[in-house]
Full PDB file with SEQRES, HELIX, SHEET, SSBOND, CRYST1, ORIGX, SCALE, CONECT and MASTER records, all heavy atoms in Angstrom:
SEQRES   1 A   33  GLN LYS ARG VAL PHE VAL GLU PHE GLU TYR TYR CYS ASN          
SEQRES   2 A   33  GLY GLN PRO LEU GLN THR ASN LYS TYR PHE TYR VAL ASN          
SEQRES   3 A   33  SER LEU GLY THR SER TYR GLN                                  
SHEET    1 AA1 2 TYR A  11  CYS A  12  0                                        
SHEET    2 AA1 2 GLN A  15  PRO A  16 -1                                        
SHEET    1 AA2 2 TYR A  24  VAL A  25  0                                        
SHEET    2 AA2 2 SER A  31  TYR A  32 -1                                        
CRYST1    1.000    1.000    1.000  90.00  90.00  90.00 P 1           1          
ORIGX1      1.000000  0.000000  0.000000        0.00000                         
ORIGX2      0.000000  1.000000  0.000000        0.00000                         
ORIGX3      0.000000  0.000000  1.000000        0.00000                         
SCALE1      1.000000  0.000000  0.000000        0.00000                         
SCALE2      0.000000  1.000000  0.000000        0.00000                         
SCALE3      0.000000  0.000000  1.000000        0.00000                         
ATOM      1  N   GLN A   1       0.785  -1.220   0.000  1.00  0.00           N  
ATOM      2  CA  GLN A   1       0.000   0.000   0.000  1.00  0.00           C  
ATOM      3  C   GLN A   1       0.822   1.278   0.000  1.00  0.00           C  
ATOM      4  O   GLN A   1       0.268   2.354   0.005  1.00  0.00           O  
ATOM      5  CB  GLN A   1      -0.952   0.004   1.196  1.00  0.00           C  
ATOM      6  CG  GLN A   1      -2.109  -0.953   1.018  1.00  0.00           C  
ATOM      7  CD  GLN A   1      -3.175  -0.751   2.064  1.00  0.00           C  
ATOM      8  OE1 GLN A   1      -2.969  -0.066   3.058  1.00  0.00           O  
ATOM      9  NE2 GLN A   1      -4.323  -1.354   1.861  1.00  0.00           N  
ATOM     10  N   LYS A   2       2.126   1.183   0.025  1.00  0.00           N  
ATOM     11  CA  LYS A   2       2.929   2.390   0.058  1.00  0.00           C  
ATOM     12  C   LYS A   2       3.154   2.898  -1.367  1.00  0.00           C  
ATOM     13  O   LYS A   2       3.541   2.152  -2.253  1.00  0.00           O  
ATOM     14  CB  LYS A   2       4.261   2.130   0.745  1.00  0.00           C  
ATOM     15  CG  LYS A   2       4.105   1.863   2.227  1.00  0.00           C  
ATOM     16  CD  LYS A   2       5.447   1.674   2.898  1.00  0.00           C  
ATOM     17  CE  LYS A   2       5.229   1.412   4.378  1.00  0.00           C  
ATOM     18  NZ  LYS A   2       6.501   1.190   5.091  1.00  0.00           N  
ATOM     19  N   ARG A   3       2.884   4.175  -1.503  1.00  0.00           N  
ATOM     20  CA  ARG A   3       3.085   4.827  -2.798  1.00  0.00           C  
ATOM     21  C   ARG A   3       3.858   6.120  -2.585  1.00  0.00           C  
ATOM     22  O   ARG A   3       3.662   6.816  -1.597  1.00  0.00           O  
ATOM     23  CB  ARG A   3       1.743   5.127  -3.469  1.00  0.00           C  
ATOM     24  CG  ARG A   3       0.942   3.892  -3.860  1.00  0.00           C  
ATOM     25  CD  ARG A   3      -0.460   4.270  -4.279  1.00  0.00           C  
ATOM     26  NE  ARG A   3      -1.210   4.839  -3.164  1.00  0.00           N  
ATOM     27  CZ  ARG A   3      -2.447   5.330  -3.275  1.00  0.00           C  
ATOM     28  NH1 ARG A   3      -3.055   5.349  -4.442  1.00  0.00           N  
ATOM     29  NH2 ARG A   3      -3.068   5.818  -2.216  1.00  0.00           N  
ATOM     30  N   VAL A   4       4.731   6.393  -3.522  1.00  0.00           N  
ATOM     31  CA  VAL A   4       5.474   7.647  -3.520  1.00  0.00           C  
ATOM     32  C   VAL A   4       5.000   8.463  -4.711  1.00  0.00           C  
ATOM     33  O   VAL A   4       5.016   7.983  -5.844  1.00  0.00           O  
ATOM     34  CB  VAL A   4       6.992   7.404  -3.609  1.00  0.00           C  
ATOM     35  CG1 VAL A   4       7.747   8.731  -3.697  1.00  0.00           C  
ATOM     36  CG2 VAL A   4       7.475   6.600  -2.411  1.00  0.00           C  
ATOM     37  N   PHE A   5       4.543   9.674  -4.432  1.00  0.00           N  
ATOM     38  CA  PHE A   5       4.101  10.578  -5.488  1.00  0.00           C  
ATOM     39  C   PHE A   5       5.118  11.705  -5.628  1.00  0.00           C  
ATOM     40  O   PHE A   5       5.419  12.404  -4.663  1.00  0.00           O  
ATOM     41  CB  PHE A   5       2.729  11.176  -5.154  1.00  0.00           C  
ATOM     42  CG  PHE A   5       1.608  10.180  -5.183  1.00  0.00           C  
ATOM     43  CD1 PHE A   5       1.271   9.455  -4.053  1.00  0.00           C  
ATOM     44  CD2 PHE A   5       0.894   9.964  -6.354  1.00  0.00           C  
ATOM     45  CE1 PHE A   5       0.235   8.537  -4.081  1.00  0.00           C  
ATOM     46  CE2 PHE A   5      -0.142   9.050  -6.386  1.00  0.00           C  
ATOM     47  CZ  PHE A   5      -0.477   8.331  -5.250  1.00  0.00           C  
ATOM     48  N   VAL A   6       5.634  11.857  -6.837  1.00  0.00           N  
ATOM     49  CA  VAL A   6       6.501  12.991  -7.151  1.00  0.00           C  
ATOM     50  C   VAL A   6       5.641  14.005  -7.894  1.00  0.00           C  
ATOM     51  O   VAL A   6       5.161  13.738  -8.999  1.00  0.00           O  
ATOM     52  CB  VAL A   6       7.703  12.562  -8.009  1.00  0.00           C  
ATOM     53  CG1 VAL A   6       8.568  13.768  -8.371  1.00  0.00           C  
ATOM     54  CG2 VAL A   6       8.529  11.506  -7.276  1.00  0.00           C  
ATOM     55  N   GLU A   7       5.411  15.143  -7.277  1.00  0.00           N  
ATOM     56  CA  GLU A   7       4.496  16.147  -7.821  1.00  0.00           C  
ATOM     57  C   GLU A   7       5.269  17.410  -8.199  1.00  0.00           C  
ATOM     58  O   GLU A   7       6.315  17.715  -7.622  1.00  0.00           O  
ATOM     59  CB  GLU A   7       3.427  16.506  -6.784  1.00  0.00           C  
ATOM     60  CG  GLU A   7       2.617  15.310  -6.301  1.00  0.00           C  
ATOM     61  CD  GLU A   7       1.647  15.676  -5.194  1.00  0.00           C  
ATOM     62  OE1 GLU A   7       1.581  16.870  -4.838  1.00  0.00           O  
ATOM     63  OE2 GLU A   7       0.965  14.773  -4.688  1.00  0.00           O  
ATOM     64  N   PHE A   8       4.717  18.154  -9.157  1.00  0.00           N  
ATOM     65  CA  PHE A   8       5.329  19.418  -9.569  1.00  0.00           C  
ATOM     66  C   PHE A   8       4.387  20.571  -9.246  1.00  0.00           C  
ATOM     67  O   PHE A   8       3.174  20.471  -9.408  1.00  0.00           O  
ATOM     68  CB  PHE A   8       5.630  19.416 -11.064  1.00  0.00           C  
ATOM     69  CG  PHE A   8       6.942  18.760 -11.394  1.00  0.00           C  
ATOM     70  CD1 PHE A   8       7.042  17.383 -11.458  1.00  0.00           C  
ATOM     71  CD2 PHE A   8       8.083  19.519 -11.621  1.00  0.00           C  
ATOM     72  CE1 PHE A   8       8.252  16.769 -11.748  1.00  0.00           C  
ATOM     73  CE2 PHE A   8       9.291  18.917 -11.904  1.00  0.00           C  
ATOM     74  CZ  PHE A   8       9.379  17.543 -11.969  1.00  0.00           C  
ATOM     75  N   GLU A   9       4.984  21.646  -8.773  1.00  0.00           N  
ATOM     76  CA  GLU A   9       4.245  22.879  -8.562  1.00  0.00           C  
ATOM     77  C   GLU A   9       5.113  24.036  -9.055  1.00  0.00           C  
ATOM     78  O   GLU A   9       6.324  23.889  -9.251  1.00  0.00           O  
ATOM     79  CB  GLU A   9       3.872  23.065  -7.098  1.00  0.00           C  
ATOM     80  CG  GLU A   9       5.053  23.159  -6.159  1.00  0.00           C  
ATOM     81  CD  GLU A   9       4.609  23.363  -4.713  1.00  0.00           C  
ATOM     82  OE1 GLU A   9       3.426  23.153  -4.417  1.00  0.00           O  
ATOM     83  OE2 GLU A   9       5.464  23.750  -3.896  1.00  0.00           O  
ATOM     84  N   TYR A  10       4.479  25.203  -9.241  1.00  0.00           N  
ATOM     85  CA  TYR A  10       5.131  26.296  -9.951  1.00  0.00           C  
ATOM     86  C   TYR A  10       5.050  27.570  -9.126  1.00  0.00           C  
ATOM     87  O   TYR A  10       3.965  28.004  -8.726  1.00  0.00           O  
ATOM     88  CB  TYR A  10       4.468  26.492 -11.317  1.00  0.00           C  
ATOM     89  CG  TYR A  10       4.249  25.167 -12.013  1.00  0.00           C  
ATOM     90  CD1 TYR A  10       2.979  24.576 -12.033  1.00  0.00           C  
ATOM     91  CD2 TYR A  10       5.306  24.476 -12.580  1.00  0.00           C  
ATOM     92  CE1 TYR A  10       2.779  23.352 -12.621  1.00  0.00           C  
ATOM     93  CE2 TYR A  10       5.118  23.244 -13.178  1.00  0.00           C  
ATOM     94  CZ  TYR A  10       3.858  22.683 -13.193  1.00  0.00           C  
ATOM     95  OH  TYR A  10       3.665  21.452 -13.770  1.00  0.00           O  
ATOM     96  N   TYR A  11       6.214  28.159  -8.877  1.00  0.00           N  
ATOM     97  CA  TYR A  11       6.309  29.394  -8.106  1.00  0.00           C  
ATOM     98  C   TYR A  11       7.099  30.418  -8.914  1.00  0.00           C  
ATOM     99  O   TYR A  11       7.895  30.065  -9.789  1.00  0.00           O  
ATOM    100  CB  TYR A  11       7.023  29.147  -6.778  1.00  0.00           C  
ATOM    101  CG  TYR A  11       6.102  28.733  -5.651  1.00  0.00           C  
ATOM    102  CD1 TYR A  11       5.297  27.600  -5.761  1.00  0.00           C  
ATOM    103  CD2 TYR A  11       6.030  29.463  -4.475  1.00  0.00           C  
ATOM    104  CE1 TYR A  11       4.451  27.210  -4.739  1.00  0.00           C  
ATOM    105  CE2 TYR A  11       5.187  29.084  -3.439  1.00  0.00           C  
ATOM    106  CZ  TYR A  11       4.400  27.961  -3.576  1.00  0.00           C  
ATOM    107  OH  TYR A  11       3.560  27.586  -2.565  1.00  0.00           O  
ATOM    108  N   CYS A  12       6.867  31.683  -8.602  1.00  0.00           N  
ATOM    109  CA  CYS A  12       7.653  32.756  -9.198  1.00  0.00           C  
ATOM    110  C   CYS A  12       7.826  33.848  -8.147  1.00  0.00           C  
ATOM    111  O   CYS A  12       6.838  34.262  -7.517  1.00  0.00           O  
ATOM    112  CB  CYS A  12       6.967  33.309 -10.449  1.00  0.00           C  
ATOM    113  SG  CYS A  12       8.024  34.389 -11.440  1.00  0.00           S  
ATOM    114  N   ASN A  13       9.037  34.259  -7.944  1.00  0.00           N  
ATOM    115  CA  ASN A  13       9.350  35.261  -6.902  1.00  0.00           C  
ATOM    116  C   ASN A  13       8.797  34.858  -5.537  1.00  0.00           C  
ATOM    117  O   ASN A  13       8.293  35.681  -4.773  1.00  0.00           O  
ATOM    118  CB  ASN A  13       8.822  36.643  -7.294  1.00  0.00           C  
ATOM    119  CG  ASN A  13       9.626  37.272  -8.427  1.00  0.00           C  
ATOM    120  OD1 ASN A  13      10.587  36.690  -8.911  1.00  0.00           O  
ATOM    121  ND2 ASN A  13       9.225  38.452  -8.842  1.00  0.00           N  
ATOM    122  N   GLY A  14       8.869  33.560  -5.255  1.00  0.00           N  
ATOM    123  CA  GLY A  14       8.490  33.063  -3.941  1.00  0.00           C  
ATOM    124  C   GLY A  14       7.006  32.880  -3.716  1.00  0.00           C  
ATOM    125  O   GLY A  14       6.592  32.518  -2.616  1.00  0.00           O  
ATOM    126  N   GLN A  15       6.180  33.084  -4.755  1.00  0.00           N  
ATOM    127  CA  GLN A  15       4.730  32.958  -4.626  1.00  0.00           C  
ATOM    128  C   GLN A  15       4.196  31.966  -5.663  1.00  0.00           C  
ATOM    129  O   GLN A  15       4.791  31.797  -6.725  1.00  0.00           O  
ATOM    130  CB  GLN A  15       4.055  34.317  -4.833  1.00  0.00           C  
ATOM    131  CG  GLN A  15       4.468  35.374  -3.815  1.00  0.00           C  
ATOM    132  CD  GLN A  15       4.044  35.020  -2.409  1.00  0.00           C  
ATOM    133  OE1 GLN A  15       2.982  34.439  -2.198  1.00  0.00           O  
ATOM    134  NE2 GLN A  15       4.873  35.365  -1.428  1.00  0.00           N  
ATOM    135  N   PRO A  16       3.055  31.316  -5.377  1.00  0.00           N  
ATOM    136  CA  PRO A  16       2.463  30.431  -6.381  1.00  0.00           C  
ATOM    137  C   PRO A  16       2.232  31.164  -7.700  1.00  0.00           C  
ATOM    138  O   PRO A  16       1.831  32.330  -7.708  1.00  0.00           O  
ATOM    139  CB  PRO A  16       1.139  30.002  -5.736  1.00  0.00           C  
ATOM    140  CG  PRO A  16       1.383  30.130  -4.272  1.00  0.00           C  
ATOM    141  CD  PRO A  16       2.281  31.318  -4.115  1.00  0.00           C  
ATOM    142  N   LEU A  17       2.488  30.486  -8.797  1.00  0.00           N  
ATOM    143  CA  LEU A  17       2.397  31.100 -10.116  1.00  0.00           C  
ATOM    144  C   LEU A  17       0.980  31.584 -10.413  1.00  0.00           C  
ATOM    145  O   LEU A  17       0.000  30.869 -10.207  1.00  0.00           O  
ATOM    146  CB  LEU A  17       2.802  30.078 -11.185  1.00  0.00           C  
ATOM    147  CG  LEU A  17       2.639  30.523 -12.644  1.00  0.00           C  
ATOM    148  CD1 LEU A  17       3.536  31.709 -12.960  1.00  0.00           C  
ATOM    149  CD2 LEU A  17       2.918  29.362 -13.586  1.00  0.00           C  
ATOM    150  N   GLN A  18       0.895  32.818 -10.891  1.00  0.00           N  
ATOM    151  CA  GLN A  18      -0.340  33.358 -11.451  1.00  0.00           C  
ATOM    152  C   GLN A  18      -0.043  33.739 -12.904  1.00  0.00           C  
ATOM    153  O   GLN A  18       0.864  34.521 -13.159  1.00  0.00           O  
ATOM    154  CB  GLN A  18      -0.816  34.586 -10.674  1.00  0.00           C  
ATOM    155  CG  GLN A  18      -1.183  34.298  -9.235  1.00  0.00           C  
ATOM    156  CD  GLN A  18      -1.768  35.522  -8.545  1.00  0.00           C  
ATOM    157  OE1 GLN A  18      -2.620  36.211  -9.097  1.00  0.00           O  
ATOM    158  NE2 GLN A  18      -1.311  35.799  -7.347  1.00  0.00           N  
ATOM    159  N   THR A  19      -0.793  33.175 -13.816  1.00  0.00           N  
ATOM    160  CA  THR A  19      -0.539  33.440 -15.230  1.00  0.00           C  
ATOM    161  C   THR A  19      -1.376  34.613 -15.731  1.00  0.00           C  
ATOM    162  O   THR A  19      -2.403  34.969 -15.147  1.00  0.00           O  
ATOM    163  CB  THR A  19      -0.865  32.199 -16.078  1.00  0.00           C  
ATOM    164  OG1 THR A  19      -2.221  31.792 -15.832  1.00  0.00           O  
ATOM    165  CG2 THR A  19       0.079  31.048 -15.738  1.00  0.00           C  
ATOM    166  N   ASN A  20      -0.872  35.208 -16.810  1.00  0.00           N  
ATOM    167  CA  ASN A  20      -1.595  36.259 -17.539  1.00  0.00           C  
ATOM    168  C   ASN A  20      -1.894  37.500 -16.700  1.00  0.00           C  
ATOM    169  O   ASN A  20      -2.927  38.142 -16.868  1.00  0.00           O  
ATOM    170  CB  ASN A  20      -2.894  35.694 -18.130  1.00  0.00           C  
ATOM    171  CG  ASN A  20      -2.641  34.533 -19.060  1.00  0.00           C  
ATOM    172  OD1 ASN A  20      -1.858  34.645 -19.999  1.00  0.00           O  
ATOM    173  ND2 ASN A  20      -3.267  33.407 -18.804  1.00  0.00           N  
ATOM    174  N   LYS A  21      -0.979  37.829 -15.784  1.00  0.00           N  
ATOM    175  CA  LYS A  21      -1.099  39.053 -14.998  1.00  0.00           C  
ATOM    176  C   LYS A  21       0.277  39.697 -14.912  1.00  0.00           C  
ATOM    177  O   LYS A  21       1.278  39.006 -14.744  1.00  0.00           O  
ATOM    178  CB  LYS A  21      -1.609  38.761 -13.588  1.00  0.00           C  
ATOM    179  CG  LYS A  21      -3.016  38.206 -13.511  1.00  0.00           C  
ATOM    180  CD  LYS A  21      -3.420  37.969 -12.065  1.00  0.00           C  
ATOM    181  CE  LYS A  21      -4.832  37.417 -11.971  1.00  0.00           C  
ATOM    182  NZ  LYS A  21      -5.241  37.169 -10.561  1.00  0.00           N  
ATOM    183  N   TYR A  22       0.333  41.048 -15.002  1.00  0.00           N  
ATOM    184  CA  TYR A  22       1.590  41.735 -14.761  1.00  0.00           C  
ATOM    185  C   TYR A  22       1.805  41.787 -13.256  1.00  0.00           C  
ATOM    186  O   TYR A  22       1.389  42.693 -12.569  1.00  0.00           O  
ATOM    187  CB  TYR A  22       1.583  43.127 -15.376  1.00  0.00           C  
ATOM    188  CG  TYR A  22       1.718  43.094 -16.876  1.00  0.00           C  
ATOM    189  CD1 TYR A  22       0.679  43.489 -17.703  1.00  0.00           C  
ATOM    190  CD2 TYR A  22       2.890  42.629 -17.459  1.00  0.00           C  
ATOM    191  CE1 TYR A  22       0.795  43.425 -19.073  1.00  0.00           C  
ATOM    192  CE2 TYR A  22       3.015  42.561 -18.834  1.00  0.00           C  
ATOM    193  CZ  TYR A  22       1.969  42.966 -19.643  1.00  0.00           C  
ATOM    194  OH  TYR A  22       2.089  42.893 -21.004  1.00  0.00           O  
ATOM    195  N   PHE A  23       2.444  40.774 -12.787  1.00  0.00           N  
ATOM    196  CA  PHE A  23       2.538  40.563 -11.352  1.00  0.00           C  
ATOM    197  C   PHE A  23       3.982  40.499 -10.879  1.00  0.00           C  
ATOM    198  O   PHE A  23       4.268  40.726  -9.719  1.00  0.00           O  
ATOM    199  CB  PHE A  23       1.810  39.260 -11.009  1.00  0.00           C  
ATOM    200  CG  PHE A  23       1.706  38.971  -9.552  1.00  0.00           C  
ATOM    201  CD1 PHE A  23       0.776  39.623  -8.759  1.00  0.00           C  
ATOM    202  CD2 PHE A  23       2.538  38.050  -8.940  1.00  0.00           C  
ATOM    203  CE1 PHE A  23       0.667  39.352  -7.404  1.00  0.00           C  
ATOM    204  CE2 PHE A  23       2.446  37.774  -7.600  1.00  0.00           C  
ATOM    205  CZ  PHE A  23       1.516  38.424  -6.824  1.00  0.00           C  
ATOM    206  N   TYR A  24       4.920  40.203 -11.780  1.00  0.00           N  
ATOM    207  CA  TYR A  24       6.285  39.918 -11.399  1.00  0.00           C  
ATOM    208  C   TYR A  24       7.235  41.002 -11.905  1.00  0.00           C  
ATOM    209  O   TYR A  24       6.992  41.630 -12.931  1.00  0.00           O  
ATOM    210  CB  TYR A  24       6.719  38.561 -11.958  1.00  0.00           C  
ATOM    211  CG  TYR A  24       5.780  37.456 -11.557  1.00  0.00           C  
ATOM    212  CD1 TYR A  24       4.916  36.871 -12.481  1.00  0.00           C  
ATOM    213  CD2 TYR A  24       5.724  37.014 -10.240  1.00  0.00           C  
ATOM    214  CE1 TYR A  24       4.042  35.877 -12.106  1.00  0.00           C  
ATOM    215  CE2 TYR A  24       4.843  36.024  -9.854  1.00  0.00           C  
ATOM    216  CZ  TYR A  24       4.003  35.447 -10.795  1.00  0.00           C  
ATOM    217  OH  TYR A  24       3.140  34.476 -10.407  1.00  0.00           O  
ATOM    218  N   VAL A  25       8.314  41.190 -11.166  1.00  0.00           N  
ATOM    219  CA  VAL A  25       9.378  42.119 -11.558  1.00  0.00           C  
ATOM    220  C   VAL A  25      10.697  41.365 -11.419  1.00  0.00           C  
ATOM    221  O   VAL A  25      10.969  40.771 -10.366  1.00  0.00           O  
ATOM    222  CB  VAL A  25       9.388  43.382 -10.678  1.00  0.00           C  
ATOM    223  CG1 VAL A  25      10.538  44.301 -11.085  1.00  0.00           C  
ATOM    224  CG2 VAL A  25       8.054  44.116 -10.771  1.00  0.00           C  
ATOM    225  N   ASN A  26      11.513  41.375 -12.482  1.00  0.00           N  
ATOM    226  CA  ASN A  26      12.776  40.647 -12.406  1.00  0.00           C  
ATOM    227  C   ASN A  26      13.882  41.511 -11.806  1.00  0.00           C  
ATOM    228  O   ASN A  26      13.655  42.653 -11.397  1.00  0.00           O  
ATOM    229  CB  ASN A  26      13.164  40.091 -13.781  1.00  0.00           C  
ATOM    230  CG  ASN A  26      13.518  41.170 -14.792  1.00  0.00           C  
ATOM    231  OD1 ASN A  26      13.720  42.339 -14.444  1.00  0.00           O  
ATOM    232  ND2 ASN A  26      13.592  40.784 -16.051  1.00  0.00           N  
ATOM    233  N   SER A  27      15.097  40.960 -11.746  1.00  0.00           N  
ATOM    234  CA  SER A  27      16.204  41.646 -11.077  1.00  0.00           C  
ATOM    235  C   SER A  27      16.637  42.910 -11.800  1.00  0.00           C  
ATOM    236  O   SER A  27      17.347  43.742 -11.224  1.00  0.00           O  
ATOM    237  CB  SER A  27      17.396  40.695 -10.939  1.00  0.00           C  
ATOM    238  OG  SER A  27      17.833  40.241 -12.214  1.00  0.00           O  
ATOM    239  N   LEU A  28      16.215  43.078 -13.057  1.00  0.00           N  
ATOM    240  CA  LEU A  28      16.531  44.279 -13.822  1.00  0.00           C  
ATOM    241  C   LEU A  28      15.420  45.321 -13.720  1.00  0.00           C  
ATOM    242  O   LEU A  28      15.487  46.366 -14.370  1.00  0.00           O  
ATOM    243  CB  LEU A  28      16.784  43.921 -15.288  1.00  0.00           C  
ATOM    244  CG  LEU A  28      17.990  43.009 -15.548  1.00  0.00           C  
ATOM    245  CD1 LEU A  28      18.066  42.624 -17.020  1.00  0.00           C  
ATOM    246  CD2 LEU A  28      19.284  43.671 -15.104  1.00  0.00           C  
ATOM    247  N   GLY A  29      14.376  45.014 -12.942  1.00  0.00           N  
ATOM    248  CA  GLY A  29      13.274  45.946 -12.786  1.00  0.00           C  
ATOM    249  C   GLY A  29      12.232  45.869 -13.874  1.00  0.00           C  
ATOM    250  O   GLY A  29      11.367  46.753 -13.987  1.00  0.00           O  
ATOM    251  N   THR A  30      12.255  44.812 -14.675  1.00  0.00           N  
ATOM    252  CA  THR A  30      11.309  44.637 -15.773  1.00  0.00           C  
ATOM    253  C   THR A  30      10.035  43.955 -15.276  1.00  0.00           C  
ATOM    254  O   THR A  30      10.099  42.886 -14.654  1.00  0.00           O  
ATOM    255  CB  THR A  30      11.931  43.781 -16.900  1.00  0.00           C  
ATOM    256  OG1 THR A  30      13.134  44.408 -17.349  1.00  0.00           O  
ATOM    257  CG2 THR A  30      10.973  43.616 -18.058  1.00  0.00           C  
ATOM    258  N   SER A  31       8.892  44.547 -15.562  1.00  0.00           N  
ATOM    259  CA  SER A  31       7.606  43.925 -15.220  1.00  0.00           C  
ATOM    260  C   SER A  31       7.241  42.904 -16.289  1.00  0.00           C  
ATOM    261  O   SER A  31       7.401  43.164 -17.488  1.00  0.00           O  
ATOM    262  CB  SER A  31       6.508  44.991 -15.133  1.00  0.00           C  
ATOM    263  OG  SER A  31       6.776  45.902 -14.082  1.00  0.00           O  
ATOM    264  N   TYR A  32       6.748  41.761 -15.844  1.00  0.00           N  
ATOM    265  CA  TYR A  32       6.424  40.713 -16.824  1.00  0.00           C  
ATOM    266  C   TYR A  32       5.305  39.824 -16.302  1.00  0.00           C  
ATOM    267  O   TYR A  32       4.998  39.795 -15.106  1.00  0.00           O  
ATOM    268  CB  TYR A  32       7.654  39.889 -17.169  1.00  0.00           C  
ATOM    269  CG  TYR A  32       8.204  39.036 -16.045  1.00  0.00           C  
ATOM    270  CD1 TYR A  32       7.925  37.671 -15.978  1.00  0.00           C  
ATOM    271  CD2 TYR A  32       9.023  39.578 -15.053  1.00  0.00           C  
ATOM    272  CE1 TYR A  32       8.436  36.878 -14.972  1.00  0.00           C  
ATOM    273  CE2 TYR A  32       9.538  38.794 -14.039  1.00  0.00           C  
ATOM    274  CZ  TYR A  32       9.246  37.444 -14.002  1.00  0.00           C  
ATOM    275  OH  TYR A  32       9.758  36.653 -12.988  1.00  0.00           O  
ATOM    276  N   GLN A  33       4.707  39.106 -17.242  1.00  0.00           N  
ATOM    277  CA  GLN A  33       3.710  38.094 -16.914  1.00  0.00           C  
ATOM    278  C   GLN A  33       4.063  36.817 -17.636  1.00  0.00           C  
ATOM    279  O   GLN A  33       4.730  36.824 -18.684  1.00  0.00           O  
ATOM    280  CB  GLN A  33       2.300  38.540 -17.301  1.00  0.00           C  
ATOM    281  CG  GLN A  33       2.086  38.705 -18.783  1.00  0.00           C  
ATOM    282  CD  GLN A  33       0.652  39.038 -19.142  1.00  0.00           C  
ATOM    283  OE1 GLN A  33       0.082  38.419 -20.032  1.00  0.00           O  
ATOM    284  NE2 GLN A  33       0.072  40.033 -18.466  1.00  0.00           N  
TER     285      GLN A  33                                                      
MASTER        0    0    0    0    4    0    0    6  284    1    0    3          
END                                                                             
């Protein structure tokens, strides 16, 4: 009955990924989605 699940999740700048929003700023100060 033992199962190992390897799961993937997506983060950006330390937060769960939100797509299609200008939410992130990179190290050069560029806003992006």
